[in-house]
Amino acid sequence: MKLALAVLSTTLAFSAPTFGAQEKLINDTVTLAVGYGPGGSSDRTARIVGNALAQELGVPVLVENRPGAGGRLAAQQFTRTEGHENALLLGNPAIMSVAPVVYEDVGYDPKTDFQPVGLVASYTFALAVPGDSELENLSDLQEALSTSDDDLMMIGVPATGSLPHFFGMMVAQAMGEKAEIVGYKGSAPLQTEITGGHIPYAIDGFDSLSPLHAGGQIRILATSGTERETDTPDVPTFKESGFDIEGIGWNGFWAHASMPQEKVQYINDALVRAMHREEVQSALRAANMGVMIANVEQTQKILDDFDARWVPVVVESGFTR
């Protein structure tokens, strides 16, 4: 499919009053491209933070949904941005870290085509079973796997090549099993399969699975963060359960590599102020996401550390497209 035929754009503008007569580096609308459809965690992050960023910059921030190819379409299109444009891209590990390793011709280079502006939110993953499963915890799961005739641990994930995909491989390896990863076209079909008992295990973002767990449609056995989630205080982390694995993803803002450093710093300053707003932090936490506040240098350090940990996992998996 040609790129032009795959674009679906829905927009939402956040307006804000301008700052007096103070000289500004940005005096017109900022466009924030999101590589996923409305309603998902990336879209929610963009709209929560975009609203506050608009108020800090004193100009509208226009969120444009450009779904397609697991977020890669928006990144490919963003390479055509010019430095003078007020344009940002919402990035996550799937776009910025995993896809360039997995795909032979991903259509962009995140290290040379883009530059990070700042990270804004973090999220964790959860391993779930159908609500009527007899499994209550990871010990039950490991015992069931040890006595099963199945050669592979079948795990559903929202997309092949996504971070949940590779976290699923880590989980299976920690269990002493080999994984069969079943990728779906997003969280919605995965949720249908796991709630219906059509697949035995699912790994997705905690924010996506938490409501189903609360409703009894699924049971979360463990979460991937460094501490228990507030919404599920009775559910342990993998590490608490005796498995030395963790997984944390993030959402952040990127600019084109050609954007002047002075302008990138200007946006980051506004972004940091926006992220300190109580209403922003409350909204992100209500969506089961963590708050991240970092300057440009700190952001780059976090990204480098993430790649150092995850890229070898992706490469070792042998998964390519």
Protein backbone atom coordinates (compact mmCIF):
# COMPACT_ATOMS: atom_id res chain seq x y z
CA MET A 1 0.00 0.00 0.00
CA LYS A 2 1.37 3.40 -0.93
CA LEU A 3 1.82 5.83 1.92
CA ALA A 4 -0.66 8.34 0.53
CA LEU A 5 -3.41 5.73 0.45
CA ALA A 6 -2.79 4.61 4.03
CA VAL A 7 -3.19 7.97 5.76
CA LEU A 8 -6.16 8.44 8.08
CA SER A 9 -5.96 11.75 9.89
CA THR A 10 -8.21 12.91 12.72
CA THR A 11 -7.31 16.14 14.43
CA LEU A 12 -7.95 17.96 17.65
CA ALA A 13 -6.63 21.43 18.40
CA PHE A 14 -5.86 22.69 21.89
CA SER A 15 -6.09 26.48 22.00
CA ALA A 16 -4.41 28.71 24.53
CA PRO A 17 -4.09 32.44 25.16
CA THR A 18 -0.94 34.09 23.88
CA PHE A 19 1.79 35.44 26.18
CA GLY A 20 1.64 39.26 26.12
CA ALA A 21 4.29 41.01 24.05
CA GLN A 22 7.08 38.65 25.07
CA GLU A 23 9.28 37.53 22.16
CA LYS A 24 8.76 33.86 21.39
CA LEU A 25 10.40 31.33 19.12
CA ILE A 26 7.02 29.77 18.31
CA ASN A 27 4.19 32.05 17.24
CA ASP A 28 1.94 29.70 15.33
CA THR A 29 0.20 26.33 15.66
CA VAL A 30 2.26 23.29 16.64
CA THR A 31 1.34 20.01 14.94
CA LEU A 32 1.76 16.81 16.95
CA ALA A 33 1.67 13.65 14.79
CA VAL A 34 0.49 10.42 16.44
CA GLY A 35 1.02 7.14 14.58
CA TYR A 36 -2.05 5.48 16.08
CA GLY A 37 -5.81 5.96 16.01
CA PRO A 38 -7.85 7.91 18.56
CA GLY A 39 -8.53 6.33 21.94
CA GLY A 40 -5.32 4.40 22.55
CA SER A 41 -2.67 5.17 25.15
CA SER A 42 -0.49 7.10 22.67
CA ASP A 43 -3.43 9.23 21.59
CA ARG A 44 -4.51 9.86 25.19
CA THR A 45 -0.98 10.91 26.09
CA ALA A 46 -0.80 13.30 23.14
CA ARG A 47 -4.07 14.97 24.05
CA ILE A 48 -3.41 15.24 27.78
CA VAL A 49 0.07 16.68 27.34
CA GLY A 50 -0.78 18.60 24.17
CA ASN A 51 -3.42 20.59 26.01
CA ALA A 52 -0.95 21.68 28.69
CA LEU A 53 1.83 22.34 26.16
CA ALA A 54 -0.52 24.65 24.26
CA GLN A 55 -1.07 26.67 27.40
CA GLU A 56 2.67 26.91 28.09
CA LEU A 57 3.60 27.85 24.51
CA GLY A 58 0.66 30.20 24.05
CA VAL A 59 -0.28 28.67 20.68
CA PRO A 60 -2.65 25.86 19.65
CA VAL A 61 -1.29 22.31 19.60
CA LEU A 62 -3.00 20.28 16.87
CA VAL A 63 -3.00 16.50 17.40
CA GLU A 64 -3.04 14.62 14.09
CA ASN A 65 -3.75 10.88 14.13
CA ARG A 66 -1.88 9.16 11.30
CA PRO A 67 -2.34 5.44 11.99
CA GLY A 68 -0.75 2.75 9.89
CA ALA A 69 2.03 0.15 9.94
CA GLY A 70 2.26 0.08 13.74
CA GLY A 71 3.20 3.75 13.97
CA ARG A 72 5.86 3.56 11.27
CA LEU A 73 3.75 5.41 8.72
CA ALA A 74 3.69 8.58 10.80
CA ALA A 75 7.46 8.36 11.33
CA GLN A 76 8.06 7.87 7.60
CA GLN A 77 5.94 10.91 6.82
CA PHE A 78 7.69 12.93 9.52
CA THR A 79 11.01 12.58 7.70
CA ARG A 80 9.63 15.06 5.16
CA THR A 81 9.20 17.73 7.83
CA GLU A 82 11.37 20.85 7.53
CA GLY A 83 13.21 22.48 10.40
CA HIS A 84 11.24 25.73 10.29
CA GLU A 85 7.92 23.90 10.78
CA ASN A 86 6.32 23.73 14.21
CA ALA A 87 6.00 19.96 14.03
CA LEU A 88 6.46 17.21 16.61
CA LEU A 89 6.10 13.43 16.52
CA LEU A 90 4.88 11.28 19.39
CA GLY A 91 7.33 8.40 19.68
CA ASN A 92 7.44 5.15 21.64
CA PRO A 93 9.76 2.11 21.76
CA ALA A 94 7.98 0.37 18.88
CA ILE A 95 8.75 3.27 16.54
CA MET A 96 12.08 4.50 17.87
CA SER A 97 13.86 1.34 19.06
CA VAL A 98 12.25 -1.88 17.84
CA ALA A 99 11.13 -1.18 14.26
CA PRO A 100 14.56 -0.02 12.99
CA VAL A 101 16.02 -3.35 14.15
CA VAL A 102 13.18 -5.58 12.99
CA TYR A 103 12.41 -4.12 9.57
CA GLU A 104 14.98 -4.30 6.78
CA ASP A 105 13.71 -1.06 5.23
CA VAL A 106 11.81 0.82 7.91
CA GLY A 107 11.85 4.07 5.93
CA TYR A 108 13.53 6.28 8.54
CA ASP A 109 16.46 6.39 10.94
CA PRO A 110 15.39 7.63 14.39
CA LYS A 111 18.94 8.68 15.27
CA THR A 112 19.62 10.77 12.17
CA ASP A 113 16.16 11.85 10.96
CA PHE A 114 14.78 12.89 14.36
CA GLN A 115 15.93 14.41 17.64
CA PRO A 116 14.29 13.87 21.04
CA VAL A 117 12.56 16.80 22.70
CA GLY A 118 11.39 15.13 25.91
CA LEU A 119 9.76 12.05 27.42
CA VAL A 120 6.35 12.54 29.04
CA ALA A 121 4.84 9.23 30.14
CA SER A 122 5.78 5.68 31.06
CA TYR A 123 3.75 2.50 31.04
CA THR A 124 4.12 -1.09 32.09
CA PHE A 125 2.90 -4.44 30.79
CA ALA A 126 0.82 -7.20 32.29
CA LEU A 127 0.49 -10.94 31.73
CA ALA A 128 -3.13 -12.05 31.79
CA VAL A 129 -5.21 -15.22 31.49
CA PRO A 130 -8.98 -15.57 30.83
CA GLY A 131 -11.18 -14.72 33.78
CA ASP A 132 -12.31 -18.33 34.25
CA SER A 133 -8.76 -19.70 34.27
CA GLU A 134 -7.70 -21.80 37.25
CA LEU A 135 -4.34 -20.03 37.31
CA GLU A 136 -4.03 -17.55 40.17
CA ASN A 137 -0.35 -16.59 40.00
CA LEU A 138 2.95 -17.25 38.25
CA SER A 139 3.68 -20.30 40.40
CA ASP A 140 0.45 -21.87 39.14
CA LEU A 141 1.42 -20.94 35.62
CA GLN A 142 4.88 -22.46 35.81
CA GLU A 143 3.46 -25.68 37.27
CA ALA A 144 0.85 -25.86 34.52
CA LEU A 145 3.49 -25.34 31.85
CA SER A 146 5.73 -28.02 33.33
CA THR A 147 2.96 -30.62 33.07
CA SER A 148 1.57 -29.50 29.70
CA ASP A 149 2.04 -31.51 26.51
CA ASP A 150 2.35 -28.27 24.50
CA ASP A 151 5.83 -27.54 23.18
CA LEU A 152 5.23 -23.80 22.97
CA MET A 153 3.76 -21.17 25.28
CA MET A 154 1.19 -19.38 23.11
CA ILE A 155 1.07 -15.68 24.01
CA GLY A 156 -1.16 -13.09 22.36
CA VAL A 157 0.17 -9.54 21.90
CA PRO A 158 -1.37 -6.42 20.32
CA ALA A 159 1.09 -6.43 17.40
CA THR A 160 4.00 -8.46 16.09
CA GLY A 161 7.28 -6.62 16.51
CA SER A 162 5.91 -4.58 19.41
CA LEU A 163 7.49 -4.29 22.84
CA PRO A 164 4.86 -6.68 24.31
CA HIS A 165 6.00 -9.18 21.65
CA PHE A 166 9.56 -9.20 22.92
CA PHE A 167 8.54 -8.98 26.55
CA GLY A 168 6.46 -12.09 25.89
CA MET A 169 9.58 -13.85 24.67
CA MET A 170 11.38 -12.78 27.86
CA VAL A 171 8.52 -14.16 29.98
CA ALA A 172 8.56 -17.51 28.19
CA GLN A 173 12.34 -17.75 28.53
CA ALA A 174 12.10 -16.96 32.26
CA MET A 175 9.56 -19.78 32.53
CA GLY A 176 11.93 -22.16 30.77
CA GLU A 177 9.63 -22.35 27.76
CA LYS A 178 9.69 -21.42 24.10
CA ALA A 179 7.15 -18.86 22.98
CA GLU A 180 4.71 -18.83 20.11
CA ILE A 181 3.81 -15.17 19.77
CA VAL A 182 0.43 -14.45 18.21
CA GLY A 183 0.18 -10.85 17.04
CA TYR A 184 -3.14 -9.07 16.62
CA LYS A 185 -4.11 -5.82 14.94
CA GLY A 186 -4.24 -3.83 18.14
CA SER A 187 -5.40 -4.24 21.71
CA ALA A 188 -9.12 -4.55 20.92
CA PRO A 189 -8.95 -7.88 19.03
CA LEU A 190 -6.45 -9.24 21.55
CA GLN A 191 -8.87 -8.40 24.35
CA THR A 192 -11.69 -10.18 22.51
CA GLU A 193 -9.57 -13.32 22.20
CA ILE A 194 -8.34 -13.43 25.80
CA THR A 195 -11.74 -12.62 27.36
CA GLY A 196 -13.31 -15.30 25.17
CA GLY A 197 -10.72 -17.87 26.21
CA HIS A 198 -9.54 -18.33 22.63
CA ILE A 199 -5.91 -17.77 23.59
CA PRO A 200 -4.42 -18.88 26.93
CA TYR A 201 -2.15 -15.90 27.69
CA ALA A 202 -1.97 -12.26 26.71
CA ILE A 203 0.59 -9.52 27.24
CA ASP A 204 -0.38 -5.90 26.66
CA GLY A 205 -0.04 -2.53 28.34
CA PHE A 206 -1.31 -2.54 31.91
CA ASP A 207 -3.54 0.44 31.05
CA SER A 208 -5.32 -1.68 28.42
CA LEU A 209 -5.78 -4.82 30.53
CA SER A 210 -6.55 -3.24 33.91
CA PRO A 211 -10.26 -2.48 33.24
CA LEU A 212 -10.86 -6.07 32.10
CA HIS A 213 -9.16 -7.39 35.23
CA ALA A 214 -11.33 -5.14 37.39
CA GLY A 215 -14.43 -6.47 35.61
CA GLY A 216 -13.43 -10.09 36.11
CA GLN A 217 -13.17 -10.78 32.38
CA ILE A 218 -9.47 -11.59 32.68
CA ARG A 219 -7.01 -12.17 35.50
CA ILE A 220 -3.67 -10.38 35.59
CA LEU A 221 -1.01 -12.67 37.03
CA ALA A 222 1.88 -10.20 37.15
CA THR A 223 2.93 -6.73 36.09
CA SER A 224 6.25 -5.66 34.61
CA GLY A 225 7.15 -2.56 36.60
CA THR A 226 9.49 -2.05 39.53
CA GLU A 227 6.58 -1.85 41.98
CA ARG A 228 2.95 -2.92 42.16
CA GLU A 229 0.33 -0.95 40.29
CA THR A 230 -1.98 1.20 42.38
CA ASP A 231 -5.09 -0.21 40.69
CA THR A 232 -4.08 -3.82 41.41
CA PRO A 233 -2.28 -3.81 44.76
CA ASP A 234 -2.92 -7.54 45.13
CA VAL A 235 -1.07 -8.38 41.90
CA PRO A 236 2.71 -8.82 42.28
CA THR A 237 5.40 -7.78 39.84
CA PHE A 238 7.40 -10.41 37.98
CA LYS A 239 10.37 -9.71 40.23
CA GLU A 240 8.29 -10.15 43.37
CA SER A 241 7.17 -13.48 41.94
CA GLY A 242 10.75 -14.67 41.58
CA PHE A 243 11.37 -13.85 37.90
CA ASP A 244 14.13 -11.32 37.27
CA ILE A 245 12.49 -9.48 34.39
CA GLU A 246 10.87 -6.09 34.01
CA GLY A 247 9.57 -4.01 31.14
CA ILE A 248 8.74 -0.32 31.00
CA GLY A 249 7.78 1.60 27.88
CA TRP A 250 7.50 5.33 27.30
CA ASN A 251 5.92 8.02 25.16
CA GLY A 252 7.79 11.15 24.21
CA PHE A 253 8.02 14.03 21.74
CA TRP A 254 10.48 14.17 18.83
CA ALA A 255 11.38 16.95 16.41
CA HIS A 256 12.91 16.68 12.97
CA ALA A 257 16.71 16.59 13.00
CA SER A 258 16.79 19.87 11.11
CA MET A 259 14.93 21.84 13.79
CA PRO A 260 17.35 24.38 15.35
CA GLN A 261 18.62 23.43 18.82
CA GLU A 262 17.43 26.73 20.26
CA LYS A 263 13.89 25.89 19.19
CA VAL A 264 14.10 22.32 20.53
CA GLN A 265 15.24 23.68 23.88
CA TYR A 266 12.44 26.24 23.85
CA ILE A 267 9.84 23.48 23.37
CA ASN A 268 11.46 21.28 26.01
CA ASP A 269 11.34 24.12 28.53
CA ALA A 270 7.61 24.50 27.88
CA LEU A 271 7.13 20.73 27.99
CA VAL A 272 8.83 20.46 31.38
CA ARG A 273 6.58 23.21 32.73
CA ALA A 274 3.55 21.42 31.29
CA MET A 275 4.56 18.13 32.90
CA HIS A 276 4.78 19.79 36.31
CA ARG A 277 1.09 20.72 36.13
CA GLU A 278 -0.96 18.79 38.65
CA GLU A 279 -3.84 18.28 36.21
CA VAL A 280 -1.48 16.67 33.68
CA GLN A 281 0.03 14.30 36.22
CA SER A 282 -3.40 13.39 37.60
CA ALA A 283 -4.79 12.70 34.12
CA LEU A 284 -1.86 10.46 33.18
CA ARG A 285 -2.06 8.52 36.42
CA ALA A 286 -5.81 8.12 35.97
CA ALA A 287 -4.97 6.49 32.62
CA ASN A 288 -2.57 4.10 34.42
CA MET A 289 0.53 5.80 33.06
CA GLY A 290 3.52 7.18 34.90
CA VAL A 291 4.79 10.75 34.66
CA MET A 292 8.19 11.43 33.08
CA ILE A 293 9.90 14.83 33.26
CA ALA A 294 13.30 15.22 31.60
CA ASN A 295 15.40 17.82 29.85
CA VAL A 296 16.86 17.07 26.43
CA GLU A 297 20.10 15.58 27.79
CA GLN A 298 18.31 13.40 30.34
CA THR A 299 15.90 12.22 27.65
CA GLN A 300 18.76 11.13 25.40
CA LYS A 301 20.40 9.26 28.29
CA ILE A 302 17.18 7.37 29.05
CA LEU A 303 16.80 6.45 25.38
CA ASP A 304 20.40 5.25 25.10
CA ASP A 305 20.01 3.09 28.22
CA PHE A 306 16.76 1.65 26.89
CA ASP A 307 18.35 0.71 23.56
CA ALA A 308 21.31 -0.88 25.34
CA ARG A 309 18.92 -3.17 27.19
CA TRP A 310 16.29 -3.95 24.58
CA VAL A 311 18.02 -3.96 21.18
CA PRO A 312 20.09 -7.06 22.07
CA VAL A 313 16.85 -8.83 23.08
CA VAL A 314 15.28 -8.00 19.73
CA VAL A 315 18.37 -9.01 17.78
CA GLU A 316 18.77 -12.27 19.69
CA SER A 317 15.16 -13.17 18.95
CA GLY A 318 15.98 -13.34 15.24
CA PHE A 319 12.63 -11.71 14.47
CA THR A 320 12.81 -9.72 11.20
CA ARG A 321 10.44 -8.42 8.57
